Amino acid sequence: MDTGINPPKSVLKKIVRKGLEQKAQVLFVFAGSTEWAIDNELQIKALTEILNIRLRQIVREDEGGTYNIWAYGDLRRYPDEEYMMYIGFGSAPEKAEKLSLIVLKEMERFKKNGPSEVEMGKVREILNREHETNIKKNSFWLHSLKTNYLHELPPERILTIPFHVDMLDSETIRKAALVYLELSNYSHFILLPE
């Protein structure tokens, strides 16, 4: 059901001051319209995995700025063809702005250079291992068959996912980042203590 609530078409930044815990929560939301395609779903999943690897290295390991940083991407066909890409982390309040700038800078660098071959290798391994595990679960088959039926895709495509994963390359993911990480259209929320 379409509620008619759509993401803003520009950069939106909101700082909220609530609570007493000396901790900040930061959330970026990249959202917009895009063409739905099964290959695009795989690309956004791969992009998400690479961002998790890269941001964990840069923000957590190199900067020592957070214990947990994560990325999650979603592509929807109904009620509208749209994407949502989320990036979030917790930090000390005084580090929230600096780490936010590092994340945005990394998004720009990623869009320009794409992932390395080492990152692509890790992501292929993650996605193929995940598929190997999933095909042993009834819940995966139920969800996959339902999704393929809903999107009028042949059910045997479920078995070809490793082939499609192995076909992913750095340039494909860089082009996906150009679509899903649009730096002129995102929301940035920071929760700080009162």
N, C-alpha and C. Protein backbone atom coordinates (compact mmCIF):
# COMPACT_ATOMS: atom_id res chain seq x y z
N MET A 1 0.83 -1.17 0.00
CA MET A 1 0.00 0.00 0.00
C MET A 1 0.89 1.25 0.00
N ASP A 2 0.59 2.14 -0.90
CA ASP A 2 1.35 3.39 -1.01
C ASP A 2 0.75 4.41 -0.07
N THR A 3 1.53 4.84 0.92
CA THR A 3 1.05 5.83 1.89
C THR A 3 1.20 7.26 1.38
N GLY A 4 1.89 7.42 0.26
CA GLY A 4 2.08 8.76 -0.30
C GLY A 4 3.20 9.53 0.35
N ILE A 5 3.92 8.91 1.27
CA ILE A 5 5.06 9.56 1.92
C ILE A 5 6.31 9.22 1.12
N ASN A 6 6.96 10.24 0.61
CA ASN A 6 8.14 10.04 -0.21
C ASN A 6 9.34 10.75 0.39
N PRO A 7 10.54 10.22 0.15
CA PRO A 7 11.74 10.87 0.68
C PRO A 7 11.95 12.23 0.02
N PRO A 8 12.64 13.13 0.71
CA PRO A 8 12.90 14.45 0.13
C PRO A 8 13.79 14.33 -1.11
N LYS A 9 13.70 15.32 -1.97
CA LYS A 9 14.49 15.34 -3.21
C LYS A 9 15.66 16.31 -3.09
N SER A 10 16.30 16.31 -1.95
CA SER A 10 17.46 17.17 -1.72
C SER A 10 18.19 16.62 -0.49
N VAL A 11 19.18 17.36 -0.02
CA VAL A 11 19.87 16.96 1.20
C VAL A 11 19.10 17.50 2.39
N LEU A 12 18.79 16.60 3.31
CA LEU A 12 18.08 16.97 4.53
C LEU A 12 18.94 16.54 5.71
N LYS A 13 19.21 17.47 6.62
CA LYS A 13 20.00 17.14 7.81
C LYS A 13 19.21 17.58 9.04
N LYS A 14 19.05 16.65 9.98
CA LYS A 14 18.34 16.93 11.23
C LYS A 14 19.18 16.44 12.40
N ILE A 15 19.33 17.32 13.38
CA ILE A 15 19.98 16.95 14.64
C ILE A 15 18.91 16.97 15.72
N VAL A 16 18.80 15.85 16.41
CA VAL A 16 17.81 15.72 17.49
C VAL A 16 18.56 15.56 18.80
N ARG A 17 18.15 16.31 19.81
CA ARG A 17 18.77 16.20 21.13
C ARG A 17 17.75 15.60 22.10
N LYS A 18 17.95 14.32 22.41
CA LYS A 18 17.07 13.60 23.34
C LYS A 18 17.89 12.59 24.12
N GLY A 19 17.48 12.33 25.32
CA GLY A 19 18.15 11.34 26.15
C GLY A 19 19.36 11.90 26.88
N LEU A 20 19.87 11.08 27.79
CA LEU A 20 20.98 11.52 28.62
C LEU A 20 22.28 10.75 28.36
N GLU A 21 22.16 9.57 27.73
CA GLU A 21 23.34 8.75 27.49
C GLU A 21 24.32 9.50 26.59
N GLN A 22 25.58 9.51 26.98
CA GLN A 22 26.62 10.22 26.23
C GLN A 22 27.03 9.40 25.00
N LYS A 23 26.10 9.31 24.09
CA LYS A 23 26.32 8.55 22.87
C LYS A 23 25.53 9.20 21.74
N ALA A 24 26.10 9.19 20.56
CA ALA A 24 25.41 9.71 19.38
C ALA A 24 25.02 8.54 18.49
N GLN A 25 23.90 8.68 17.79
CA GLN A 25 23.47 7.73 16.76
C GLN A 25 23.36 8.51 15.47
N VAL A 26 23.95 7.99 14.41
CA VAL A 26 23.96 8.67 13.12
C VAL A 26 23.33 7.74 12.08
N LEU A 27 22.47 8.31 11.23
CA LEU A 27 21.84 7.54 10.17
C LEU A 27 21.81 8.35 8.89
N PHE A 28 22.30 7.75 7.82
CA PHE A 28 22.17 8.31 6.47
C PHE A 28 21.13 7.48 5.73
N VAL A 29 20.27 8.14 4.98
CA VAL A 29 19.28 7.44 4.15
C VAL A 29 19.38 8.01 2.74
N PHE A 30 19.77 7.17 1.81
CA PHE A 30 19.78 7.52 0.39
C PHE A 30 18.55 6.84 -0.21
N ALA A 31 17.70 7.60 -0.89
CA ALA A 31 16.47 7.02 -1.41
C ALA A 31 16.06 7.72 -2.70
N GLY A 32 15.37 6.96 -3.55
CA GLY A 32 14.87 7.56 -4.78
C GLY A 32 14.24 6.53 -5.68
N SER A 33 13.82 6.96 -6.83
CA SER A 33 13.21 6.09 -7.82
C SER A 33 14.29 5.42 -8.66
N THR A 34 14.02 4.20 -9.05
CA THR A 34 14.93 3.46 -9.92
C THR A 34 14.16 2.35 -10.60
N GLU A 35 14.71 1.84 -11.65
CA GLU A 35 14.07 0.72 -12.33
C GLU A 35 14.33 -0.56 -11.54
N TRP A 36 13.27 -1.33 -11.30
CA TRP A 36 13.44 -2.60 -10.63
C TRP A 36 13.87 -3.65 -11.64
N ALA A 37 14.88 -4.41 -11.26
CA ALA A 37 15.32 -5.57 -12.05
C ALA A 37 16.02 -6.51 -11.09
N ILE A 38 15.91 -7.79 -11.34
CA ILE A 38 16.50 -8.77 -10.44
C ILE A 38 18.02 -8.58 -10.35
N ASP A 39 18.66 -8.20 -11.45
CA ASP A 39 20.11 -7.95 -11.41
C ASP A 39 20.43 -6.73 -10.55
N ASN A 40 19.55 -5.73 -10.55
CA ASN A 40 19.76 -4.56 -9.70
C ASN A 40 19.69 -4.94 -8.23
N GLU A 41 18.82 -5.91 -7.89
CA GLU A 41 18.75 -6.38 -6.50
C GLU A 41 20.08 -6.98 -6.07
N LEU A 42 20.68 -7.77 -6.95
CA LEU A 42 21.97 -8.38 -6.64
C LEU A 42 23.06 -7.31 -6.52
N GLN A 43 23.01 -6.30 -7.38
CA GLN A 43 24.00 -5.24 -7.32
C GLN A 43 23.90 -4.44 -6.03
N ILE A 44 22.68 -4.13 -5.58
CA ILE A 44 22.53 -3.36 -4.34
C ILE A 44 22.97 -4.21 -3.15
N LYS A 45 22.76 -5.51 -3.23
CA LYS A 45 23.21 -6.40 -2.16
C LYS A 45 24.74 -6.44 -2.11
N ALA A 46 25.38 -6.54 -3.27
CA ALA A 46 26.84 -6.54 -3.33
C ALA A 46 27.40 -5.20 -2.86
N LEU A 47 26.78 -4.11 -3.30
CA LEU A 47 27.21 -2.77 -2.87
C LEU A 47 27.13 -2.65 -1.36
N THR A 48 26.05 -3.15 -0.77
CA THR A 48 25.88 -3.11 0.68
C THR A 48 26.99 -3.87 1.39
N GLU A 49 27.30 -5.06 0.89
CA GLU A 49 28.35 -5.86 1.52
C GLU A 49 29.71 -5.17 1.44
N ILE A 50 30.01 -4.56 0.29
CA ILE A 50 31.29 -3.86 0.13
C ILE A 50 31.35 -2.66 1.06
N LEU A 51 30.24 -1.92 1.16
CA LEU A 51 30.22 -0.77 2.08
C LEU A 51 30.43 -1.22 3.52
N ASN A 52 29.83 -2.34 3.90
CA ASN A 52 30.05 -2.86 5.26
C ASN A 52 31.52 -3.15 5.51
N ILE A 53 32.18 -3.77 4.54
CA ILE A 53 33.61 -4.08 4.68
C ILE A 53 34.43 -2.79 4.75
N ARG A 54 34.19 -1.90 3.80
CA ARG A 54 35.00 -0.69 3.69
C ARG A 54 34.78 0.27 4.86
N LEU A 55 33.53 0.51 5.21
CA LEU A 55 33.25 1.46 6.29
C LEU A 55 33.71 0.92 7.64
N ARG A 56 33.61 -0.39 7.82
CA ARG A 56 34.11 -0.99 9.06
C ARG A 56 35.61 -0.74 9.17
N GLN A 57 36.33 -0.89 8.05
CA GLN A 57 37.77 -0.67 8.06
C GLN A 57 38.10 0.80 8.33
N ILE A 58 37.45 1.69 7.64
CA ILE A 58 37.80 3.12 7.73
C ILE A 58 37.32 3.74 9.03
N VAL A 59 36.03 3.58 9.34
CA VAL A 59 35.46 4.29 10.49
C VAL A 59 35.76 3.58 11.80
N ARG A 60 35.69 2.26 11.80
CA ARG A 60 35.92 1.53 13.05
C ARG A 60 37.39 1.27 13.31
N GLU A 61 38.08 0.68 12.33
CA GLU A 61 39.47 0.28 12.55
C GLU A 61 40.44 1.46 12.45
N ASP A 62 40.39 2.20 11.34
CA ASP A 62 41.36 3.28 11.13
C ASP A 62 41.11 4.47 12.06
N GLU A 63 39.85 4.89 12.17
CA GLU A 63 39.51 6.07 12.98
C GLU A 63 39.24 5.73 14.44
N GLY A 64 38.92 4.45 14.73
CA GLY A 64 38.57 4.07 16.09
C GLY A 64 37.35 4.84 16.59
N GLY A 65 36.45 5.14 15.65
CA GLY A 65 35.34 6.02 15.98
C GLY A 65 34.06 5.34 16.43
N THR A 66 33.94 4.02 16.21
CA THR A 66 32.70 3.35 16.55
C THR A 66 32.96 1.86 16.73
N TYR A 67 32.08 1.23 17.48
CA TYR A 67 32.14 -0.23 17.60
C TYR A 67 31.38 -0.89 16.47
N ASN A 68 30.39 -0.19 15.95
CA ASN A 68 29.52 -0.81 14.97
C ASN A 68 29.10 0.21 13.92
N ILE A 69 29.39 -0.10 12.68
CA ILE A 69 28.88 0.69 11.55
C ILE A 69 28.32 -0.31 10.56
N TRP A 70 27.21 0.04 9.95
CA TRP A 70 26.53 -0.91 9.06
C TRP A 70 25.91 -0.19 7.87
N ALA A 71 25.71 -0.96 6.82
CA ALA A 71 25.00 -0.48 5.63
C ALA A 71 23.95 -1.52 5.27
N TYR A 72 22.82 -1.05 4.77
CA TYR A 72 21.75 -1.95 4.34
C TYR A 72 21.07 -1.33 3.13
N GLY A 73 20.88 -2.11 2.09
CA GLY A 73 20.21 -1.62 0.89
C GLY A 73 18.97 -2.43 0.57
N ASP A 74 17.99 -1.77 0.00
CA ASP A 74 16.74 -2.43 -0.34
C ASP A 74 16.22 -1.85 -1.65
N LEU A 75 15.77 -2.73 -2.53
CA LEU A 75 15.19 -2.34 -3.80
C LEU A 75 13.76 -2.84 -3.83
N ARG A 76 12.83 -1.95 -4.13
CA ARG A 76 11.41 -2.32 -4.12
C ARG A 76 10.79 -2.13 -5.49
N ARG A 77 9.85 -2.98 -5.78
CA ARG A 77 9.11 -2.86 -7.04
C ARG A 77 7.70 -2.34 -6.80
N TYR A 78 7.13 -2.69 -5.65
CA TYR A 78 5.76 -2.31 -5.33
C TYR A 78 5.71 -1.56 -4.01
N PRO A 79 4.92 -0.54 -3.82
CA PRO A 79 3.99 0.03 -4.79
C PRO A 79 4.69 0.90 -5.83
N ASP A 80 5.93 1.32 -5.56
CA ASP A 80 6.70 2.10 -6.53
C ASP A 80 8.07 1.47 -6.69
N GLU A 81 8.68 1.65 -7.85
CA GLU A 81 10.04 1.19 -8.06
C GLU A 81 10.97 2.21 -7.41
N GLU A 82 11.59 1.77 -6.31
CA GLU A 82 12.43 2.70 -5.56
C GLU A 82 13.50 1.93 -4.80
N TYR A 83 14.51 2.66 -4.36
CA TYR A 83 15.58 2.07 -3.56
C TYR A 83 15.71 2.85 -2.26
N MET A 84 16.27 2.17 -1.27
CA MET A 84 16.63 2.79 0.00
C MET A 84 17.99 2.21 0.38
N MET A 85 18.91 3.07 0.71
CA MET A 85 20.23 2.65 1.18
C MET A 85 20.46 3.34 2.52
N TYR A 86 20.70 2.55 3.55
CA TYR A 86 20.90 3.07 4.90
C TYR A 86 22.34 2.84 5.34
N ILE A 87 22.91 3.82 6.01
CA ILE A 87 24.22 3.67 6.65
C ILE A 87 24.09 4.25 8.05
N GLY A 88 24.45 3.48 9.05
CA GLY A 88 24.29 3.95 10.42
C GLY A 88 25.46 3.55 11.31
N PHE A 89 25.64 4.34 12.36
CA PHE A 89 26.67 4.01 13.34
C PHE A 89 26.41 4.78 14.63
N GLY A 90 27.00 4.29 15.70
CA GLY A 90 26.98 4.98 16.98
C GLY A 90 28.39 5.48 17.28
N SER A 91 28.47 6.57 18.01
CA SER A 91 29.80 7.11 18.35
C SER A 91 29.68 7.99 19.58
N ALA A 92 30.82 8.48 20.04
CA ALA A 92 30.81 9.52 21.06
C ALA A 92 30.21 10.77 20.42
N PRO A 93 29.43 11.56 21.19
CA PRO A 93 28.78 12.75 20.61
C PRO A 93 29.74 13.69 19.89
N GLU A 94 30.93 13.87 20.44
CA GLU A 94 31.87 14.82 19.84
C GLU A 94 32.48 14.30 18.52
N LYS A 95 32.30 13.01 18.22
CA LYS A 95 32.85 12.45 16.99
C LYS A 95 31.82 12.32 15.87
N ALA A 96 30.56 12.56 16.15
CA ALA A 96 29.49 12.30 15.18
C ALA A 96 29.67 13.07 13.87
N GLU A 97 29.96 14.35 13.99
CA GLU A 97 30.11 15.17 12.78
C GLU A 97 31.33 14.76 11.97
N LYS A 98 32.46 14.57 12.65
CA LYS A 98 33.69 14.19 11.96
C LYS A 98 33.53 12.86 11.23
N LEU A 99 32.94 11.88 11.90
CA LEU A 99 32.75 10.56 11.28
C LEU A 99 31.74 10.64 10.14
N SER A 100 30.74 11.50 10.28
CA SER A 100 29.77 11.69 9.19
C SER A 100 30.46 12.21 7.95
N LEU A 101 31.37 13.16 8.12
CA LEU A 101 32.12 13.70 6.98
C LEU A 101 33.00 12.63 6.34
N ILE A 102 33.58 11.77 7.16
CA ILE A 102 34.42 10.68 6.64
C ILE A 102 33.57 9.73 5.81
N VAL A 103 32.35 9.41 6.28
CA VAL A 103 31.45 8.52 5.53
C VAL A 103 31.11 9.15 4.19
N LEU A 104 30.74 10.43 4.18
CA LEU A 104 30.39 11.09 2.93
C LEU A 104 31.57 11.16 1.96
N LYS A 105 32.74 11.41 2.50
CA LYS A 105 33.95 11.46 1.68
C LYS A 105 34.21 10.08 1.06
N GLU A 106 33.99 9.04 1.84
CA GLU A 106 34.19 7.69 1.34
C GLU A 106 33.17 7.34 0.26
N MET A 107 31.93 7.82 0.40
CA MET A 107 30.91 7.59 -0.63
C MET A 107 31.36 8.22 -1.96
N GLU A 108 31.90 9.42 -1.87
CA GLU A 108 32.38 10.11 -3.08
C GLU A 108 33.54 9.34 -3.71
N ARG A 109 34.47 8.90 -2.89
CA ARG A 109 35.61 8.13 -3.40
C ARG A 109 35.14 6.81 -4.03
N PHE A 110 34.18 6.16 -3.38
CA PHE A 110 33.66 4.89 -3.88
C PHE A 110 33.00 5.08 -5.25
N LYS A 111 32.23 6.16 -5.39
CA LYS A 111 31.55 6.43 -6.66
C LYS A 111 32.57 6.70 -7.77
N LYS A 112 33.70 7.27 -7.42
CA LYS A 112 34.72 7.60 -8.41
C LYS A 112 35.54 6.37 -8.79
N ASN A 113 35.97 5.59 -7.80
CA ASN A 113 36.91 4.50 -8.05
C ASN A 113 36.29 3.10 -8.02
N GLY A 114 35.14 2.95 -7.39
CA GLY A 114 34.55 1.62 -7.27
C GLY A 114 35.31 0.75 -6.29
N PRO A 115 34.89 -0.48 -6.14
CA PRO A 115 35.57 -1.39 -5.21
C PRO A 115 36.84 -1.98 -5.82
N SER A 116 37.73 -2.40 -4.95
CA SER A 116 38.95 -3.06 -5.41
C SER A 116 38.63 -4.50 -5.78
N GLU A 117 39.55 -5.14 -6.47
CA GLU A 117 39.35 -6.55 -6.82
C GLU A 117 39.35 -7.43 -5.56
N VAL A 118 40.11 -7.02 -4.55
CA VAL A 118 40.11 -7.78 -3.28
C VAL A 118 38.72 -7.71 -2.65
N GLU A 119 38.12 -6.51 -2.63
CA GLU A 119 36.76 -6.36 -2.08
C GLU A 119 35.76 -7.16 -2.90
N MET A 120 35.90 -7.14 -4.24
CA MET A 120 34.98 -7.92 -5.08
C MET A 120 35.11 -9.41 -4.78
N GLY A 121 36.33 -9.88 -4.59
CA GLY A 121 36.53 -11.28 -4.25
C GLY A 121 35.87 -11.65 -2.93
N LYS A 122 36.02 -10.78 -1.93
CA LYS A 122 35.39 -11.03 -0.62
C LYS A 122 33.88 -11.07 -0.76
N VAL A 123 33.32 -10.15 -1.53
CA VAL A 123 31.87 -10.08 -1.67
C VAL A 123 31.33 -11.28 -2.44
N ARG A 124 32.01 -11.68 -3.48
CA ARG A 124 31.58 -12.89 -4.21
C ARG A 124 31.56 -14.08 -3.25
N GLU A 125 32.61 -14.19 -2.44
CA GLU A 125 32.69 -15.29 -1.48
C GLU A 125 31.54 -15.23 -0.46
N ILE A 126 31.27 -14.03 0.07
CA ILE A 126 30.18 -13.85 1.04
C ILE A 126 28.84 -14.24 0.42
N LEU A 127 28.55 -13.72 -0.77
CA LEU A 127 27.25 -13.97 -1.40
C LEU A 127 27.10 -15.43 -1.81
N ASN A 128 28.16 -16.06 -2.30
CA ASN A 128 28.07 -17.48 -2.67
C ASN A 128 27.92 -18.38 -1.45
N ARG A 129 28.65 -18.05 -0.38
CA ARG A 129 28.52 -18.83 0.85
C ARG A 129 27.11 -18.69 1.44
N GLU A 130 26.59 -17.47 1.39
CA GLU A 130 25.23 -17.21 1.87
C GLU A 130 24.22 -18.03 1.07
N HIS A 131 24.42 -18.09 -0.24
CA HIS A 131 23.50 -18.87 -1.09
C HIS A 131 23.59 -20.37 -0.77
N GLU A 132 24.82 -20.87 -0.58
CA GLU A 132 25.00 -22.28 -0.23
C GLU A 132 24.26 -22.64 1.06
N THR A 133 24.32 -21.72 2.02
CA THR A 133 23.62 -21.94 3.29
C THR A 133 22.11 -21.83 3.11
N ASN A 134 21.69 -20.83 2.37
CA ASN A 134 20.26 -20.57 2.22
C ASN A 134 19.51 -21.68 1.50
N ILE A 135 20.13 -22.29 0.48
CA ILE A 135 19.38 -23.29 -0.29
C ILE A 135 19.07 -24.54 0.53
N LYS A 136 19.60 -24.62 1.74
CA LYS A 136 19.30 -25.74 2.64
C LYS A 136 18.12 -25.42 3.56
N LYS A 137 17.55 -24.21 3.42
CA LYS A 137 16.48 -23.77 4.33
C LYS A 137 15.14 -23.67 3.59
N ASN A 138 14.12 -24.22 4.20
CA ASN A 138 12.78 -24.13 3.62
C ASN A 138 12.31 -22.68 3.50
N SER A 139 12.64 -21.85 4.49
CA SER A 139 12.19 -20.46 4.47
C SER A 139 12.77 -19.72 3.26
N PHE A 140 14.01 -20.04 2.89
CA PHE A 140 14.62 -19.41 1.71
C PHE A 140 13.85 -19.81 0.45
N TRP A 141 13.54 -21.10 0.33
CA TRP A 141 12.82 -21.56 -0.86
C TRP A 141 11.43 -20.95 -0.94
N LEU A 142 10.76 -20.88 0.18
CA LEU A 142 9.42 -20.30 0.19
C LEU A 142 9.47 -18.84 -0.24
N HIS A 143 10.39 -18.07 0.34
CA HIS A 143 10.52 -16.66 -0.01
C HIS A 143 10.94 -16.49 -1.47
N SER A 144 11.92 -17.27 -1.92
CA SER A 144 12.44 -17.13 -3.28
C SER A 144 11.39 -17.50 -4.33
N LEU A 145 10.68 -18.59 -4.09
CA LEU A 145 9.64 -19.00 -5.05
C LEU A 145 8.52 -17.96 -5.11
N LYS A 146 8.15 -17.43 -3.96
CA LYS A 146 7.12 -16.39 -3.92
C LYS A 146 7.59 -15.15 -4.68
N THR A 147 8.83 -14.74 -4.42
CA THR A 147 9.38 -13.55 -5.08
C THR A 147 9.45 -13.75 -6.59
N ASN A 148 9.94 -14.90 -7.03
CA ASN A 148 10.03 -15.17 -8.47
C ASN A 148 8.64 -15.20 -9.11
N TYR A 149 7.68 -15.76 -8.45
CA TYR A 149 6.31 -15.77 -8.97
C TYR A 149 5.76 -14.35 -9.07
N LEU A 150 5.94 -13.57 -8.02
CA LEU A 150 5.45 -12.20 -7.98
C LEU A 150 6.06 -11.35 -9.09
N HIS A 151 7.35 -11.56 -9.37
CA HIS A 151 8.06 -10.77 -10.38
C HIS A 151 8.12 -11.45 -11.75
N GLU A 152 7.36 -12.54 -11.89
CA GLU A 152 7.26 -13.27 -13.16
C GLU A 152 8.63 -13.72 -13.67
N LEU A 153 9.41 -14.26 -12.76
CA LEU A 153 10.73 -14.78 -13.10
C LEU A 153 10.68 -16.31 -13.06
N PRO A 154 11.47 -16.98 -13.87
CA PRO A 154 11.47 -18.44 -13.83
C PRO A 154 12.05 -18.94 -12.50
N PRO A 155 11.41 -19.93 -11.89
CA PRO A 155 11.89 -20.40 -10.58
C PRO A 155 13.30 -20.99 -10.63
N GLU A 156 13.70 -21.52 -11.78
CA GLU A 156 15.05 -22.11 -11.86
C GLU A 156 16.15 -21.06 -11.72
N ARG A 157 15.80 -19.79 -11.82
CA ARG A 157 16.80 -18.72 -11.64
C ARG A 157 17.42 -18.78 -10.24
N ILE A 158 16.67 -19.31 -9.29
CA ILE A 158 17.18 -19.43 -7.92
C ILE A 158 18.49 -20.22 -7.90
N LEU A 159 18.58 -21.22 -8.75
CA LEU A 159 19.77 -22.07 -8.78
C LEU A 159 20.94 -21.43 -9.52
N THR A 160 20.67 -20.35 -10.26
CA THR A 160 21.74 -19.71 -11.05
C THR A 160 22.34 -18.49 -10.34
N ILE A 161 21.93 -18.25 -9.10
CA ILE A 161 22.43 -17.08 -8.38
C ILE A 161 23.97 -17.06 -8.32
N PRO A 162 24.65 -18.19 -8.03
CA PRO A 162 26.12 -18.14 -8.02
C PRO A 162 26.72 -17.68 -9.36
N PHE A 163 26.10 -18.07 -10.47
CA PHE A 163 26.57 -17.61 -11.78
C PHE A 163 26.48 -16.09 -11.88
N HIS A 164 25.34 -15.53 -11.45
CA HIS A 164 25.16 -14.07 -11.50
C HIS A 164 26.11 -13.36 -10.54
N VAL A 165 26.35 -13.96 -9.39
CA VAL A 165 27.31 -13.37 -8.43
C VAL A 165 28.70 -13.33 -9.05
N ASP A 166 29.11 -14.42 -9.69
CA ASP A 166 30.45 -14.48 -10.28
C ASP A 166 30.61 -13.51 -11.45
N MET A 167 29.50 -13.07 -12.05
CA MET A 167 29.55 -12.12 -13.16
C MET A 167 29.69 -10.68 -12.68
N LEU A 168 29.48 -10.43 -11.39
CA LEU A 168 29.62 -9.06 -10.87
C LEU A 168 31.07 -8.61 -11.00
N ASP A 169 31.24 -7.35 -11.41
CA ASP A 169 32.59 -6.80 -11.49
C ASP A 169 32.62 -5.41 -10.86
N SER A 170 33.81 -4.89 -10.72
CA SER A 170 34.03 -3.62 -10.04
C SER A 170 33.28 -2.47 -10.71
N GLU A 171 33.30 -2.43 -12.04
CA GLU A 171 32.65 -1.34 -12.77
C GLU A 171 31.13 -1.39 -12.60
N THR A 172 30.55 -2.57 -12.56
CA THR A 172 29.10 -2.70 -12.35
C THR A 172 28.71 -2.14 -10.99
N ILE A 173 29.51 -2.44 -9.98
CA ILE A 173 29.20 -1.97 -8.63
C ILE A 173 29.46 -0.47 -8.52
N ARG A 174 30.49 0.04 -9.20
CA ARG A 174 30.73 1.48 -9.21
C ARG A 174 29.54 2.22 -9.83
N LYS A 175 29.01 1.68 -10.92
CA LYS A 175 27.84 2.29 -11.56
C LYS A 175 26.61 2.21 -10.65
N ALA A 176 26.48 1.13 -9.91
CA ALA A 176 25.38 1.02 -8.95
C ALA A 176 25.51 2.09 -7.88
N ALA A 177 26.74 2.35 -7.43
CA ALA A 177 26.96 3.38 -6.41
C ALA A 177 26.57 4.76 -6.94
N LEU A 178 26.78 5.01 -8.22
CA LEU A 178 26.38 6.29 -8.81
C LEU A 178 24.87 6.50 -8.68
N VAL A 179 24.11 5.42 -8.77
CA VAL A 179 22.65 5.50 -8.65
C VAL A 179 22.22 5.55 -7.18
N TYR A 180 22.72 4.63 -6.36
CA TYR A 180 22.20 4.43 -5.01
C TYR A 180 22.85 5.28 -3.93
N LEU A 181 23.92 5.98 -4.26
CA LEU A 181 24.59 6.84 -3.28
C LEU A 181 24.65 8.28 -3.82
N GLU A 182 23.52 8.81 -4.17
CA GLU A 182 23.43 10.15 -4.76
C GLU A 182 23.63 11.20 -3.67
N LEU A 183 24.75 11.90 -3.74
CA LEU A 183 25.11 12.84 -2.68
C LEU A 183 24.40 14.19 -2.77
N SER A 184 23.54 14.36 -3.74
CA SER A 184 22.71 15.56 -3.78
C SER A 184 21.29 15.25 -3.31
N ASN A 185 21.09 14.01 -2.85
CA ASN A 185 19.75 13.58 -2.45
C ASN A 185 19.83 12.51 -1.36
N TYR A 186 19.97 12.95 -0.11
CA TYR A 186 20.00 12.00 1.01
C TYR A 186 19.54 12.70 2.28
N SER A 187 19.20 11.90 3.27
CA SER A 187 18.84 12.43 4.59
C SER A 187 19.91 12.02 5.58
N HIS A 188 20.22 12.92 6.50
CA HIS A 188 21.28 12.69 7.48
C HIS A 188 20.71 13.06 8.85
N PHE A 189 20.60 12.06 9.72
CA PHE A 189 20.04 12.27 11.04
C PHE A 189 21.09 11.99 12.11
N ILE A 190 21.17 12.87 13.10
CA ILE A 190 22.10 12.68 14.22
C ILE A 190 21.31 12.84 15.51
N LEU A 191 21.36 11.80 16.36
CA LEU A 191 20.75 11.85 17.68
C LEU A 191 21.87 12.12 18.69
N LEU A 192 21.74 13.21 19.44
CA LEU A 192 22.72 13.59 20.46
C LEU A 192 22.03 13.69 21.80
N PRO A 193 22.76 13.56 22.91
CA PRO A 193 22.13 13.72 24.21
C PRO A 193 21.70 15.18 24.42
N GLU A 194 20.69 15.36 25.27
CA GLU A 194 20.19 16.71 25.55
C GLU A 194 21.25 17.57 26.22
